[in-house]
Amino acid sequence: MNRLFEIKELDKKVYEEELRDFLPEKIIDIHTHSWLDEFMGVDEEEEKRAVTWTSLVAKDNSIEDLFETYRLMFPDKEVTPLIFSFPNLQLDLASGNQYCSHATQSHHCHALLVSVPEWSAAEYRSKLLAGNFVGGKVYLNYAPRSIAQNDIGIFDFIPHHQLSVLDELGAILMLHIPRAARLKDSDNIREMLEIADKYPHIRVIIAHIGRAYCNEDLGNALELLQAAKSFYYDFSANTNAYVMSELLKAVGAKRVLFGSDLPILRMRMRRICENGHYVNLVPPGLYGDVSGDKNMREVSPEEGEGMTFFMYEELLAFKQAASQLALTKDDINDVFYGNADRLLQEVDTGLRGLRS
């Protein structure tokens, strides 16, 4: 067993029989976190705004661990990440961003700047350009503490003055949308369409297909969001083949991106939905006491032995969607490499002349 995680015979079988020939030789992972545990402090309010199960898989994810994960999970593929720090109130933001900035120089990858809404336009622009970032990653954790979790809107954590900067630069915005209703939330849809209308030069990536992990999370959102022709969608940490299929039918393969959300995709699990609520089924004892977490449930030891990685579960779901829609090899190559490669090259070229 290597120091990160065990590769079981089951995992090898899934990869060899189901995934190796399906995946292209080159892959870009558009959604990964990289940080060190030494950047973490203490903030007792963190759990009020974010699920906690994501912290059970790894205490950190160095850039070396990230590339080692790719080597272990995709032994015959060339995988390149777009990285950003862990958007957690316990983590020192400056250290996390600096680490990712430096990683782009030591490894072949690009990075996004994790931001807070308090930064002025000038400060935000300066940090983006000085750190060699290709855009920003924003998260509801950083909305003002006076706003209740269920009342947080998109502009509370990515304000208009910062969106104007991203629009001016033609940069990327990795957007994790808020609110309990997820993608189908009418306020989310209205605010996303406002971004598309007011800031047409931002390359917006809607993370996790708008957190539509269950069929019920979709509503008529994809129909309404078709007006946002500039939006991309990543399917990171999503294992719902129906949602992926509906996304592909709505926007086409050119605007869908593979993302993992590593390191949490190292988890051994299988996701189910119950009454529109997702539950991660996990082997007993592997992630400590999960009895108090509504998104986690242990299975029997026997069932647990048959569980592979979250990563492979996500990819198997996409493969199912691709098969249902008869995607071509070119389509699949676009989703896993071509779309992201073109996007990153365009943004990086545009920013190169502006960096000091």
Protein backbone atom coordinates (compact mmCIF):
# COMPACT_ATOMS: atom_id res chain seq x y z
CA MET A 1 0.00 0.00 0.00
CA ASN A 2 1.33 3.44 -0.91
CA ARG A 3 1.30 6.26 1.63
CA LEU A 4 -1.80 8.00 0.20
CA PHE A 5 -4.36 5.23 -0.28
CA GLU A 6 -4.65 1.58 -1.20
CA ILE A 7 -5.24 0.43 -4.76
CA LYS A 8 -7.30 -2.76 -4.49
CA GLU A 9 -7.84 -5.43 -7.10
CA LEU A 10 -11.40 -4.14 -7.40
CA ASP A 11 -10.09 -0.68 -8.33
CA LYS A 12 -7.74 -2.12 -10.93
CA LYS A 13 -10.58 -4.15 -12.41
CA VAL A 14 -12.90 -1.12 -12.64
CA TYR A 15 -10.21 0.99 -14.27
CA GLU A 16 -8.99 -1.65 -16.71
CA GLU A 17 -12.39 -2.97 -17.76
CA GLU A 18 -14.50 0.20 -17.65
CA LEU A 19 -12.41 3.35 -17.79
CA ARG A 20 -8.97 2.98 -19.37
CA ASP A 21 -10.15 2.71 -22.96
CA PHE A 22 -13.01 5.15 -22.44
CA LEU A 23 -10.77 8.01 -21.27
CA PRO A 24 -8.49 9.92 -23.66
CA GLU A 25 -4.71 9.80 -23.25
CA LYS A 26 -4.56 13.43 -22.06
CA ILE A 27 -6.90 14.75 -19.37
CA ILE A 28 -7.33 18.16 -17.76
CA ASP A 29 -8.91 18.16 -14.32
CA ILE A 30 -10.54 21.59 -14.10
CA HIS A 31 -11.48 21.43 -10.40
CA THR A 32 -8.91 20.45 -7.75
CA HIS A 33 -7.86 21.71 -4.33
CA SER A 34 -4.25 21.90 -3.20
CA TRP A 35 -3.12 23.09 0.24
CA LEU A 36 -1.01 22.09 3.24
CA ASP A 37 -2.29 21.23 6.69
CA GLU A 38 0.07 23.80 8.20
CA PHE A 39 -2.11 26.55 6.71
CA MET A 40 -5.07 25.50 8.88
CA GLY A 41 -6.14 27.28 12.05
CA VAL A 42 -9.39 27.18 14.04
CA ASP A 43 -12.78 28.70 13.30
CA GLU A 44 -15.74 27.32 15.19
CA GLU A 45 -18.27 28.85 12.79
CA GLU A 46 -17.04 27.02 9.69
CA GLU A 47 -19.44 24.10 9.89
CA LYS A 48 -22.49 26.38 9.80
CA ARG A 49 -21.90 27.17 6.13
CA ALA A 50 -20.43 24.02 4.63
CA VAL A 51 -20.81 20.27 4.80
CA THR A 52 -18.15 18.65 6.95
CA TRP A 53 -17.82 15.21 5.35
CA THR A 54 -15.42 16.55 2.72
CA SER A 55 -12.72 16.95 5.38
CA LEU A 56 -12.74 13.24 6.30
CA VAL A 57 -10.70 12.01 3.33
CA ALA A 58 -7.46 13.99 3.61
CA LYS A 59 -6.09 16.63 5.96
CA ASP A 60 -4.39 18.32 3.01
CA ASN A 61 -3.42 17.79 -0.61
CA SER A 62 0.05 18.93 -1.57
CA ILE A 63 0.79 19.44 -5.25
CA GLU A 64 3.01 16.35 -5.06
CA ASP A 65 0.17 14.30 -3.55
CA LEU A 66 -2.18 15.53 -6.26
CA PHE A 67 0.08 14.35 -9.07
CA GLU A 68 0.71 11.08 -7.22
CA THR A 69 -3.05 10.56 -7.02
CA TYR A 70 -3.29 10.91 -10.79
CA ARG A 71 -0.43 8.45 -11.24
CA LEU A 72 -2.17 5.89 -9.05
CA MET A 73 -5.69 6.31 -10.37
CA PHE A 74 -4.79 6.89 -14.03
CA PRO A 75 -1.53 4.97 -14.47
CA ASP A 76 -1.35 5.34 -18.25
CA LYS A 77 -2.81 8.84 -18.68
CA GLU A 78 -1.30 12.32 -18.62
CA VAL A 79 -3.43 14.39 -16.23
CA THR A 80 -3.00 18.13 -15.68
CA PRO A 81 -4.94 20.04 -13.01
CA LEU A 82 -6.37 23.50 -12.59
CA ILE A 83 -5.74 24.04 -8.88
CA PHE A 84 -6.97 26.34 -6.15
CA SER A 85 -6.68 26.37 -2.39
CA PHE A 86 -9.20 24.97 0.09
CA PRO A 87 -11.94 27.62 0.61
CA ASN A 88 -12.25 27.04 4.33
CA LEU A 89 -12.42 29.73 7.01
CA GLN A 90 -9.91 27.76 9.07
CA LEU A 91 -7.26 28.11 6.36
CA ASP A 92 -4.94 31.08 6.07
CA LEU A 93 -6.04 32.54 2.77
CA ALA A 94 -2.78 34.25 1.83
CA SER A 95 -0.75 31.09 2.46
CA GLY A 96 -3.14 28.94 0.45
CA ASN A 97 -3.13 31.27 -2.53
CA GLN A 98 0.64 31.72 -2.44
CA TYR A 99 1.13 27.95 -2.34
CA CYS A 100 -1.00 27.45 -5.46
CA SER A 101 0.73 30.33 -7.23
CA HIS A 102 4.14 28.77 -6.55
CA ALA A 103 2.86 25.34 -7.64
CA THR A 104 2.19 26.67 -11.14
CA GLN A 105 5.92 27.40 -11.41
CA SER A 106 7.13 24.05 -10.06
CA HIS A 107 4.56 21.87 -11.84
CA HIS A 108 2.73 21.93 -15.16
CA CYS A 109 -0.60 23.44 -14.14
CA HIS A 110 -2.69 26.61 -13.82
CA ALA A 111 -4.27 28.09 -10.69
CA LEU A 112 -7.24 30.15 -9.54
CA LEU A 113 -7.20 32.77 -6.78
CA VAL A 114 -9.49 32.11 -3.80
CA SER A 115 -10.93 35.50 -2.89
CA VAL A 116 -12.94 37.35 -0.25
CA PRO A 117 -15.56 39.98 -1.15
CA GLU A 118 -13.87 42.66 0.98
CA TRP A 119 -11.03 43.12 -1.51
CA SER A 120 -11.31 46.26 -3.60
CA ALA A 121 -11.27 46.03 -7.38
CA ALA A 122 -7.67 47.25 -7.48
CA GLU A 123 -6.56 44.75 -4.82
CA TYR A 124 -8.34 41.88 -6.53
CA ARG A 125 -6.86 42.74 -9.92
CA SER A 126 -3.37 43.07 -8.46
CA LYS A 127 -3.54 39.70 -6.71
CA LEU A 128 -4.82 37.96 -9.85
CA LEU A 129 -2.06 39.28 -12.06
CA ALA A 130 0.82 39.14 -9.58
CA GLY A 131 0.08 35.53 -8.63
CA ASN A 132 -0.08 34.25 -12.21
CA PHE A 133 -3.69 33.18 -11.69
CA VAL A 134 -6.05 32.60 -14.64
CA GLY A 135 -9.12 33.62 -12.65
CA GLY A 136 -10.90 33.30 -9.36
CA LYS A 137 -12.52 30.66 -7.19
CA VAL A 138 -15.28 31.98 -4.92
CA TYR A 139 -17.23 30.34 -2.13
CA LEU A 140 -20.18 31.14 0.10
CA ASN A 141 -18.06 30.69 3.25
CA TYR A 142 -16.63 34.14 2.64
CA ALA A 143 -19.95 36.00 2.52
CA PRO A 144 -20.40 38.47 5.41
CA ARG A 145 -21.02 36.66 8.69
CA SER A 146 -24.16 38.72 9.28
CA ILE A 147 -25.95 36.87 6.47
CA ALA A 148 -27.64 33.59 7.41
CA GLN A 149 -26.50 30.58 5.40
CA ASN A 150 -29.82 30.11 3.62
CA ASP A 151 -29.95 33.79 2.67
CA ILE A 152 -26.53 34.01 1.01
CA GLY A 153 -26.66 35.14 -2.60
CA ILE A 154 -23.97 34.90 -5.26
CA PHE A 155 -23.15 38.61 -5.13
CA ASP A 156 -22.56 38.36 -1.38
CA PHE A 157 -19.31 36.48 -2.00
CA ILE A 158 -18.38 37.66 -5.51
CA PRO A 159 -19.44 41.35 -5.62
CA HIS A 160 -19.96 43.33 -8.77
CA HIS A 161 -16.70 45.28 -8.52
CA GLN A 162 -14.76 42.01 -8.60
CA LEU A 163 -16.87 40.61 -11.42
CA SER A 164 -15.99 43.76 -13.39
CA VAL A 165 -12.31 42.93 -12.93
CA LEU A 166 -12.78 39.37 -14.17
CA ASP A 167 -14.77 40.67 -17.12
CA GLU A 168 -12.07 43.21 -18.01
CA LEU A 169 -9.41 40.50 -17.87
CA GLY A 170 -11.47 37.86 -19.68
CA ALA A 171 -10.63 35.56 -16.78
CA ILE A 172 -12.22 32.42 -15.33
CA LEU A 173 -14.78 32.39 -12.52
CA MET A 174 -15.21 29.04 -10.78
CA LEU A 175 -18.66 29.42 -9.21
CA HIS A 176 -20.01 27.17 -6.47
CA ILE A 177 -23.60 28.36 -6.15
CA PRO A 178 -25.33 28.74 -2.74
CA ARG A 179 -28.81 28.03 -1.33
CA ALA A 180 -30.51 24.82 -0.33
CA ALA A 181 -32.46 24.46 -3.59
CA ARG A 182 -29.19 24.29 -5.55
CA LEU A 183 -29.35 24.65 -9.34
CA LYS A 184 -33.12 25.01 -9.56
CA ASP A 185 -33.25 27.90 -7.06
CA SER A 186 -34.92 30.83 -8.83
CA ASP A 187 -32.66 33.41 -7.16
CA ASN A 188 -29.55 31.46 -8.20
CA ILE A 189 -30.81 31.29 -11.78
CA ARG A 190 -31.62 35.00 -11.84
CA GLU A 191 -28.19 35.93 -10.48
CA MET A 192 -26.35 33.59 -12.83
CA LEU A 193 -28.18 35.05 -15.81
CA GLU A 194 -27.34 38.53 -14.56
CA ILE A 195 -23.65 37.60 -14.56
CA ALA A 196 -23.93 36.27 -18.11
CA ASP A 197 -25.66 39.45 -19.25
CA LYS A 198 -23.53 42.07 -17.46
CA TYR A 199 -20.14 40.35 -17.68
CA PRO A 200 -20.02 38.54 -21.04
CA HIS A 201 -16.22 38.23 -21.11
CA ILE A 202 -15.95 36.16 -17.93
CA ARG A 203 -15.42 32.45 -18.57
CA VAL A 204 -17.85 31.19 -15.93
CA ILE A 205 -17.58 27.56 -14.83
CA ILE A 206 -20.60 26.38 -12.84
CA ALA A 207 -19.05 23.88 -10.43
CA HIS A 208 -20.64 20.47 -9.74
CA ILE A 209 -23.37 21.13 -12.37
CA GLY A 210 -24.71 23.67 -9.91
CA ARG A 211 -24.67 21.11 -7.07
CA ALA A 212 -27.39 19.12 -8.85
CA TYR A 213 -26.50 15.80 -7.26
CA CYS A 214 -30.05 14.40 -7.37
CA ASN A 215 -32.65 14.45 -10.15
CA GLU A 216 -34.84 16.76 -8.08
CA ASP A 217 -32.13 19.45 -8.04
CA LEU A 218 -32.59 20.22 -11.75
CA GLY A 219 -36.09 21.62 -12.06
CA ASN A 220 -36.20 23.65 -15.29
CA ALA A 221 -32.86 25.31 -14.58
CA LEU A 222 -31.01 24.03 -17.64
CA GLU A 223 -33.77 25.29 -19.92
CA LEU A 224 -33.59 28.75 -18.35
CA LEU A 225 -29.79 28.84 -18.30
CA GLN A 226 -29.52 28.09 -22.01
CA ALA A 227 -29.53 31.87 -22.45
CA ALA A 228 -26.10 31.96 -20.78
CA LYS A 229 -24.18 30.82 -23.86
CA SER A 230 -20.79 31.61 -22.30
CA PHE A 231 -21.18 29.28 -19.31
CA TYR A 232 -19.25 26.07 -18.84
CA TYR A 233 -20.25 23.34 -16.40
CA ASP A 234 -17.98 20.91 -14.57
CA PHE A 235 -19.31 17.66 -13.14
CA SER A 236 -16.90 17.45 -10.23
CA ALA A 237 -18.06 15.36 -7.24
CA ASN A 238 -21.20 14.41 -9.16
CA THR A 239 -22.22 10.82 -9.80
CA ASN A 240 -25.66 11.35 -11.32
CA ALA A 241 -25.77 10.04 -14.88
CA TYR A 242 -29.26 11.46 -15.49
CA VAL A 243 -28.16 14.99 -14.52
CA MET A 244 -25.07 14.67 -16.71
CA SER A 245 -27.18 13.47 -19.62
CA GLU A 246 -29.62 16.36 -19.24
CA LEU A 247 -26.72 18.80 -19.10
CA LEU A 248 -25.19 17.42 -22.29
CA LYS A 249 -28.54 17.61 -24.07
CA ALA A 250 -29.02 21.22 -22.92
CA VAL A 251 -25.60 22.74 -23.64
CA GLY A 252 -23.71 20.22 -25.77
CA ALA A 253 -20.35 18.55 -25.20
CA LYS A 254 -18.33 21.71 -25.97
CA ARG A 255 -19.35 23.38 -22.69
CA VAL A 256 -18.95 20.45 -20.31
CA LEU A 257 -15.70 19.96 -18.39
CA PHE A 258 -14.28 17.11 -16.36
CA GLY A 259 -13.43 18.07 -12.81
CA SER A 260 -12.71 15.92 -9.81
CA ASP A 261 -12.77 17.98 -6.60
CA LEU A 262 -9.73 16.10 -5.34
CA PRO A 263 -8.75 15.15 -2.72
CA ILE A 264 -12.29 14.18 -1.69
CA LEU A 265 -12.63 11.90 -4.72
CA ARG A 266 -10.16 9.55 -3.06
CA MET A 267 -13.08 8.53 -0.83
CA ARG A 268 -14.47 5.01 -1.17
CA MET A 269 -18.17 5.43 -1.58
CA ARG A 270 -21.34 5.08 -3.56
CA ARG A 271 -23.89 7.88 -3.69
CA ILE A 272 -27.65 7.44 -3.52
CA CYS A 273 -30.52 9.91 -3.44
CA GLU A 274 -33.44 9.66 -1.04
CA ASN A 275 -36.33 12.11 -1.43
CA GLY A 276 -34.09 14.54 -3.28
CA HIS A 277 -31.30 14.37 -0.71
CA TYR A 278 -27.91 12.81 -1.46
CA VAL A 279 -26.26 10.28 0.84
CA ASN A 280 -22.72 8.97 0.51
CA LEU A 281 -22.60 5.29 1.42
CA VAL A 282 -19.18 4.37 2.86
CA PRO A 283 -17.42 1.32 4.33
CA PRO A 284 -17.81 1.00 8.10
CA GLY A 285 -15.15 2.68 10.23
CA LEU A 286 -13.14 4.04 7.32
CA TYR A 287 -13.99 7.69 7.98
CA GLY A 288 -14.58 7.68 11.71
CA ASP A 289 -17.97 8.31 13.30
CA VAL A 290 -20.31 9.57 10.57
CA SER A 291 -23.55 8.88 12.44
CA GLY A 292 -24.29 12.58 12.91
CA ASP A 293 -23.80 13.54 9.27
CA LYS A 294 -26.98 13.50 7.15
CA ASN A 295 -24.87 13.14 3.98
CA MET A 296 -22.99 10.04 5.17
CA ARG A 297 -24.07 6.47 6.01
CA GLU A 298 -22.07 3.35 6.70
CA VAL A 299 -22.91 0.07 4.97
CA SER A 300 -22.15 -3.49 5.97
CA PRO A 301 -18.55 -4.74 5.85
CA GLU A 302 -19.45 -6.97 2.90
CA GLU A 303 -20.96 -4.11 0.90
CA GLY A 304 -18.07 -1.87 1.86
CA GLU A 305 -15.58 -4.33 0.36
CA GLY A 306 -17.22 -3.79 -3.03
CA MET A 307 -16.79 -0.03 -3.05
CA THR A 308 -14.31 1.74 -5.28
CA PHE A 309 -13.23 5.37 -5.41
CA PHE A 310 -15.55 8.35 -5.66
CA MET A 311 -13.42 9.29 -8.69
CA TYR A 312 -14.31 6.11 -10.52
CA GLU A 313 -17.99 6.40 -9.53
CA GLU A 314 -18.09 9.87 -11.10
CA LEU A 315 -16.43 8.65 -14.28
CA LEU A 316 -18.69 5.62 -14.56
CA ALA A 317 -21.71 7.91 -14.31
CA PHE A 318 -20.39 10.11 -17.09
CA LYS A 319 -19.62 7.05 -19.20
CA GLN A 320 -23.24 5.95 -18.77
CA ALA A 321 -24.49 9.39 -19.87
CA ALA A 322 -22.10 9.40 -22.83
CA SER A 323 -23.33 5.98 -23.91
CA GLN A 324 -26.99 6.99 -23.64
CA LEU A 325 -26.36 10.01 -25.87
CA ALA A 326 -23.97 8.19 -28.22
CA LEU A 327 -21.18 10.73 -27.72
CA THR A 328 -18.33 10.36 -30.16
CA LYS A 329 -14.67 9.92 -29.25
CA ASP A 330 -14.15 13.55 -30.23
CA ASP A 331 -16.93 14.61 -27.85
CA ILE A 332 -15.36 12.66 -25.01
CA ASN A 333 -11.93 14.07 -25.77
CA ASP A 334 -13.43 17.57 -25.67
CA VAL A 335 -15.02 17.01 -22.28
CA PHE A 336 -11.89 15.55 -20.71
CA TYR A 337 -9.25 17.63 -22.48
CA GLY A 338 -10.04 19.76 -25.51
CA ASN A 339 -12.56 22.17 -23.99
CA ALA A 340 -10.40 22.93 -20.96
CA ASP A 341 -7.22 23.15 -23.03
CA ARG A 342 -8.74 25.74 -25.35
CA LEU A 343 -10.23 27.67 -22.45
CA LEU A 344 -7.01 27.81 -20.43
CA GLN A 345 -4.89 28.71 -23.44
CA GLU A 346 -7.23 31.54 -24.45
CA VAL A 347 -7.35 33.01 -20.93
CA ASP A 348 -3.63 32.59 -20.30
CA THR A 349 -2.75 34.24 -23.62
CA GLY A 350 -5.03 37.16 -22.85
CA LEU A 351 -3.54 37.70 -19.40
CA ARG A 352 0.10 37.24 -20.34
CA GLY A 353 0.59 40.79 -21.57
CA LEU A 354 -0.99 42.27 -18.44
CA ARG A 355 1.14 40.46 -15.87
CA SER A 356 3.99 42.43 -14.37
